[in-house]
């Protein structure tokens, strides 16, 4: 009954199934491992933010460029505060407010964006405390430049003078006549009574859309494996039923021919 499986056609189908199922299971397991890795990265990143606050601060130059290893590390820099900007639409403790961003002109000539703190409400320059005068040394968590449209960062344009939507060198270079570091620092203690802005985990290290895409792909590959196996059994069963019908003399062609002959016999009668 099942000798048809040894025919070249069915031999090829079976080989394909035997190769497809392990491949689907492998791809599903790989996608699952990617999801688990992202979960581990997210957990480690959150723990790192807390741990980094306890580490001794290092000079800014030693931590650049910012990457996953240096993001959140304690950095220190010395210079003089210069231009001040407000960053609207920033939440802290479930309240809407804005960041107070001041550019620190370092001895090297470049400016380091420093978030001195957070204030509630809509941006109002009159309510913002003035930056300290003279040479200052700041210490805070190093952060990578923001990308407009990602992680809740506003991408809106046309902001009033003195405001910026994203804290990034690409945005700030158009607002000041000097070079800006491709990084920023949030002070550990809010300046002049403002609330300190907590450091965030590095980009691509959390349970973002990509992580859940990996989880979705895991399910898809396992479903593909089950579907391939199901279709193979379905085709085998269909072939067996066809062979049994043929042994009983029940063939689709015979049924069609009989249905055509019966009207002719009635017409001749």
Protein backbone atom coordinates (compact mmCIF):
# COMPACT_ATOMS: atom_id res chain seq x y z
CA UNK A 1 0.00 0.00 0.00
CA UNK A 2 2.81 2.40 0.86
CA UNK A 3 5.27 1.29 -1.81
CA UNK A 4 4.51 4.52 -3.69
CA UNK A 5 6.76 6.29 -1.16
CA UNK A 6 9.72 4.64 -2.90
CA UNK A 7 8.92 6.22 -6.25
CA UNK A 8 11.24 9.08 -7.35
CA UNK A 9 8.47 11.65 -6.98
CA UNK A 10 7.59 10.71 -3.42
CA UNK A 11 11.21 10.11 -2.52
CA UNK A 12 11.92 13.73 -3.48
CA UNK A 13 8.90 15.02 -1.53
CA UNK A 14 9.97 13.10 1.58
CA UNK A 15 13.56 14.33 1.36
CA UNK A 16 12.28 17.91 1.08
CA UNK A 17 10.13 17.44 4.19
CA UNK A 18 13.00 15.86 6.15
CA UNK A 19 15.18 18.87 5.31
CA UNK A 20 12.51 21.56 5.74
CA UNK A 21 11.37 20.57 9.24
CA UNK A 22 14.84 20.75 10.90
CA UNK A 23 15.51 24.00 9.05
CA UNK A 24 12.27 25.56 10.35
CA UNK A 25 13.00 24.34 13.89
CA UNK A 26 16.54 25.72 13.70
CA UNK A 27 15.34 29.13 12.49
CA UNK A 28 12.64 29.22 15.16
CA UNK A 29 15.17 28.36 17.87
CA UNK A 30 17.54 31.00 16.55
CA UNK A 31 14.85 33.69 16.62
CA UNK A 32 13.92 32.61 20.16
CA UNK A 33 17.55 32.91 21.23
CA UNK A 34 17.66 36.43 19.76
CA UNK A 35 14.60 37.36 21.82
CA UNK A 36 16.18 35.89 24.96
CA UNK A 37 19.41 37.79 24.26
CA UNK A 38 17.46 41.03 24.01
CA UNK A 39 15.72 40.26 27.30
CA UNK A 40 19.11 39.71 28.90
CA UNK A 41 20.46 42.91 27.36
CA UNK A 42 17.46 44.83 28.67
CA UNK A 43 17.91 43.47 32.18
CA UNK A 44 21.66 44.09 32.15
CA UNK A 45 21.20 47.59 30.73
CA UNK A 46 18.77 48.56 33.50
CA UNK A 47 21.10 47.16 36.14
CA UNK A 48 24.03 48.95 34.52
CA UNK A 49 22.29 52.32 34.83
CA UNK A 50 22.09 51.83 38.60
CA UNK A 51 25.63 50.45 38.88
CA UNK A 52 27.19 53.22 36.79
CA UNK A 53 25.92 55.86 39.22
CA UNK A 54 28.15 54.37 41.92
CA UNK A 55 31.30 54.31 39.77
CA UNK A 56 33.93 57.01 39.87
CA UNK A 57 33.55 59.61 37.15
CA UNK A 58 36.03 59.51 34.26
CA UNK A 59 37.14 62.32 31.94
CA UNK A 60 34.83 62.81 28.99
CA UNK A 61 37.55 62.10 26.43
CA UNK A 62 38.09 58.58 27.83
CA UNK A 63 34.45 57.62 27.22
CA UNK A 64 33.99 58.85 23.66
CA UNK A 65 32.59 57.82 21.26
CA UNK A 66 29.45 56.75 23.09
CA UNK A 67 28.48 53.10 22.64
CA UNK A 68 26.68 50.42 24.63
CA UNK A 69 29.73 49.98 26.86
CA UNK A 70 30.12 53.67 27.75
CA UNK A 71 26.50 54.88 27.67
CA UNK A 72 25.39 55.65 31.22
CA UNK A 73 28.93 55.86 32.57
CA UNK A 74 29.80 58.71 34.88
CA UNK A 75 31.65 61.44 32.98
CA UNK A 76 33.21 64.67 34.09
CA UNK A 77 34.07 67.77 32.11
CA UNK A 78 35.24 71.30 32.86
CA UNK A 79 34.32 74.47 31.03
CA UNK A 80 32.04 77.49 30.98
CA UNK A 81 28.32 77.45 30.39
CA UNK A 82 27.22 79.21 27.21
CA UNK A 83 23.97 79.05 25.24
CA UNK A 84 20.91 77.66 26.99
CA UNK A 85 18.05 75.81 25.26
CA UNK A 86 14.80 74.24 26.37
CA UNK A 87 13.71 70.76 25.26
CA UNK A 88 9.87 70.55 25.32
CA UNK A 89 7.54 67.56 25.71
CA UNK A 90 9.62 65.57 28.19
CA UNK A 91 7.96 63.51 30.92
CA UNK A 92 9.30 62.81 34.37
CA UNK A 93 7.36 61.00 37.11
CA UNK A 94 4.31 60.90 34.79
CA UNK A 95 4.28 64.69 34.54
CA UNK A 96 4.75 66.74 31.40
CA UNK A 97 7.57 69.25 31.34
CA UNK A 98 10.82 70.18 29.66
CA UNK A 99 14.57 69.76 29.98
CA UNK A 100 16.92 72.66 30.60
CA UNK A 101 19.86 72.11 28.26
CA UNK A 102 22.98 74.27 28.55
CA UNK A 103 26.05 73.99 26.34
CA UNK A 104 29.33 73.73 28.25
CA UNK A 105 32.24 75.24 26.32
CA UNK A 106 35.26 73.08 27.15
CA UNK A 107 38.93 73.98 26.89
CA UNK A 108 39.14 72.10 23.61
CA UNK A 109 36.68 74.48 21.99
CA UNK A 110 33.87 71.98 21.57
CA UNK A 111 30.64 72.29 23.52
CA UNK A 112 29.15 69.51 25.63
CA UNK A 113 25.33 69.53 25.92
CA UNK A 114 24.47 69.32 29.61
CA UNK A 115 20.94 68.67 30.87
CA UNK A 116 20.95 70.63 34.11
CA UNK A 117 17.48 69.45 35.12
CA UNK A 118 13.75 69.19 34.42
CA UNK A 119 10.92 71.63 35.08
CA UNK A 120 7.14 70.99 34.88
CA UNK A 121 4.73 72.69 32.52
CA UNK A 122 5.34 74.35 29.18
CA UNK A 123 8.76 75.81 28.34
CA UNK A 124 9.13 79.26 29.85
CA UNK A 125 12.57 80.93 29.75
CA UNK A 126 11.50 83.29 32.55
CA UNK A 127 11.16 80.35 34.98
CA UNK A 128 14.49 78.75 34.11
CA UNK A 129 17.32 79.33 36.60
CA UNK A 130 20.38 80.96 35.07
CA UNK A 131 23.43 78.81 34.56
CA UNK A 132 26.36 79.29 36.97
CA UNK A 133 28.95 81.82 35.90
CA UNK A 134 32.65 81.16 35.50
CA UNK A 135 34.45 77.85 35.16
CA UNK A 136 32.53 74.83 36.40
CA UNK A 137 33.13 71.10 36.55
CA UNK A 138 30.11 68.94 35.80
CA UNK A 139 29.57 65.28 36.60
CA UNK A 140 26.78 63.14 35.21
CA UNK A 141 25.71 60.16 33.15
CA UNK A 142 26.97 60.11 29.58
CA UNK A 143 24.26 59.64 26.95
CA UNK A 144 24.27 59.10 23.19
CA UNK A 145 22.80 61.70 20.86
CA UNK A 146 19.07 61.32 20.43
CA UNK A 147 17.39 60.48 17.13
CA UNK A 148 14.19 62.41 16.38
CA UNK A 149 11.21 60.06 16.21
CA UNK A 150 12.83 57.28 18.28
CA UNK A 151 12.18 56.36 21.93
CA UNK A 152 9.59 59.08 22.35
CA UNK A 153 11.86 61.87 21.09
CA UNK A 154 9.81 64.49 19.28
CA UNK A 155 10.48 65.00 15.58
CA UNK A 156 8.46 68.18 15.25
CA UNK A 157 9.96 71.23 13.62
CA UNK A 158 9.19 74.90 13.71
CA UNK A 159 9.87 75.27 17.44
CA UNK A 160 10.20 78.74 18.95
CA UNK A 161 13.64 80.28 19.24
CA UNK A 162 15.57 78.87 22.17
CA UNK A 163 14.07 75.38 21.91
CA UNK A 164 15.21 72.11 20.36
CA UNK A 165 13.27 68.86 19.94
CA UNK A 166 16.20 66.45 20.19
CA UNK A 167 19.48 66.51 22.06
CA UNK A 168 21.84 65.67 19.23
CA UNK A 169 24.90 67.19 17.61
CA UNK A 170 23.09 67.20 14.25
CA UNK A 171 20.37 69.46 15.68
CA UNK A 172 22.51 71.67 17.89
CA UNK A 173 25.19 72.40 15.30
CA UNK A 174 22.64 74.53 13.48
CA UNK A 175 21.93 76.60 16.60
CA UNK A 176 25.44 77.49 17.75
CA UNK A 177 28.55 78.73 15.88
CA UNK A 178 30.91 76.11 17.33
CA UNK A 179 31.36 72.34 17.26
CA UNK A 180 29.29 70.15 19.55
CA UNK A 181 30.17 66.76 21.02
CA UNK A 182 28.15 63.87 19.64
CA UNK A 183 27.00 63.05 23.17
CA UNK A 184 25.40 64.72 26.18
CA UNK A 185 25.46 64.52 29.96
CA UNK A 186 22.60 64.58 32.45
CA UNK A 187 23.66 65.86 35.86
CA UNK A 188 23.34 63.50 38.80
CA UNK A 189 21.86 66.32 40.90
CA UNK A 190 19.51 68.86 39.38
CA UNK A 191 21.00 72.33 39.20
CA UNK A 192 19.35 75.26 41.03
CA UNK A 193 16.54 73.18 42.50
CA UNK A 194 15.53 71.50 39.24
CA UNK A 195 14.82 67.77 39.17
CA UNK A 196 17.63 65.61 37.86
CA UNK A 197 16.88 63.73 34.64
CA UNK A 198 17.67 60.02 35.11
CA UNK A 199 19.95 58.28 32.65
CA UNK A 200 18.41 55.91 30.14
CA UNK A 201 19.60 52.54 28.88
CA UNK A 202 21.60 52.43 25.63
CA UNK A 203 19.68 52.25 22.37
CA UNK A 204 18.81 48.79 20.97
CA UNK A 205 19.16 47.17 24.39
CA UNK A 206 15.55 47.05 25.50
CA UNK A 207 12.38 45.09 24.75
CA UNK A 208 11.56 47.19 21.71
CA UNK A 209 9.69 46.34 18.52
CA UNK A 210 12.64 44.35 17.18
CA UNK A 211 12.59 42.09 20.22
CA UNK A 212 8.93 41.24 19.79
CA UNK A 213 9.48 40.76 16.06
CA UNK A 214 11.98 38.05 16.97
CA UNK A 215 9.36 36.45 19.20
CA UNK A 216 6.79 36.62 16.39
CA UNK A 217 9.21 35.07 13.89
CA UNK A 218 9.82 32.26 16.40
CA UNK A 219 6.16 31.31 16.32
CA UNK A 220 6.02 31.58 12.52
CA UNK A 221 8.93 29.19 11.98
CA UNK A 222 7.47 26.60 14.37
CA UNK A 223 4.11 26.90 12.60
CA UNK A 224 5.88 26.38 9.25
CA UNK A 225 7.46 23.18 10.60
CA UNK A 226 4.08 21.86 11.73
CA UNK A 227 2.46 22.88 8.43
CA UNK A 228 5.08 21.04 6.36
CA UNK A 229 4.58 17.87 8.41
CA UNK A 230 0.80 18.20 8.22
CA UNK A 231 0.85 18.62 4.44
CA UNK A 232 3.09 15.57 4.02
CA UNK A 233 0.68 13.38 6.01
CA UNK A 234 -2.25 14.91 4.15
CA UNK A 235 -0.73 14.10 0.74
CA UNK A 236 0.18 10.56 1.84
CA UNK A 237 -3.36 9.96 3.07
CA UNK A 238 -4.78 11.31 -0.17
CA UNK A 239 -2.53 9.02 -2.20
CA UNK A 240 -3.55 6.00 -0.10
CA UNK A 241 -7.23 6.82 -0.57
CA UNK A 242 -6.69 7.11 -4.31
CA UNK A 243 -4.99 3.70 -4.43
CA UNK A 244 -7.81 2.08 -2.41
CA UNK A 245 -10.43 3.62 -4.69
CA UNK A 246 -8.54 2.33 -7.71
CA UNK A 247 -8.47 -1.20 -6.26
CA UNK A 248 -12.23 -1.00 -5.77
CA UNK A 249 -12.69 0.21 -9.32
CA UNK A 250 -13.78 3.65 -8.25
CA UNK A 251 -11.93 6.12 -10.41
CA UNK A 252 -12.74 9.78 -11.02
CA UNK A 253 -12.58 9.22 -14.79
CA UNK A 254 -15.01 6.29 -14.62
CA UNK A 255 -17.46 8.34 -12.56
CA UNK A 256 -17.30 11.14 -15.08
CA UNK A 257 -17.75 8.77 -18.03
CA UNK A 258 -20.71 7.06 -16.38
CA UNK A 259 -22.40 10.37 -15.67
CA UNK A 260 -22.07 11.25 -19.37
CA UNK A 261 -23.32 7.85 -20.62
CA UNK A 262 -26.46 7.83 -18.44
CA UNK A 263 -28.08 10.89 -20.11
CA UNK A 264 -27.29 9.40 -23.55
CA UNK A 265 -28.95 6.07 -22.65
CA UNK A 266 -32.05 7.90 -21.42
CA UNK A 267 -32.21 9.92 -24.61
CA UNK A 268 -31.97 6.82 -26.85
CA UNK A 269 -34.64 5.11 -24.77
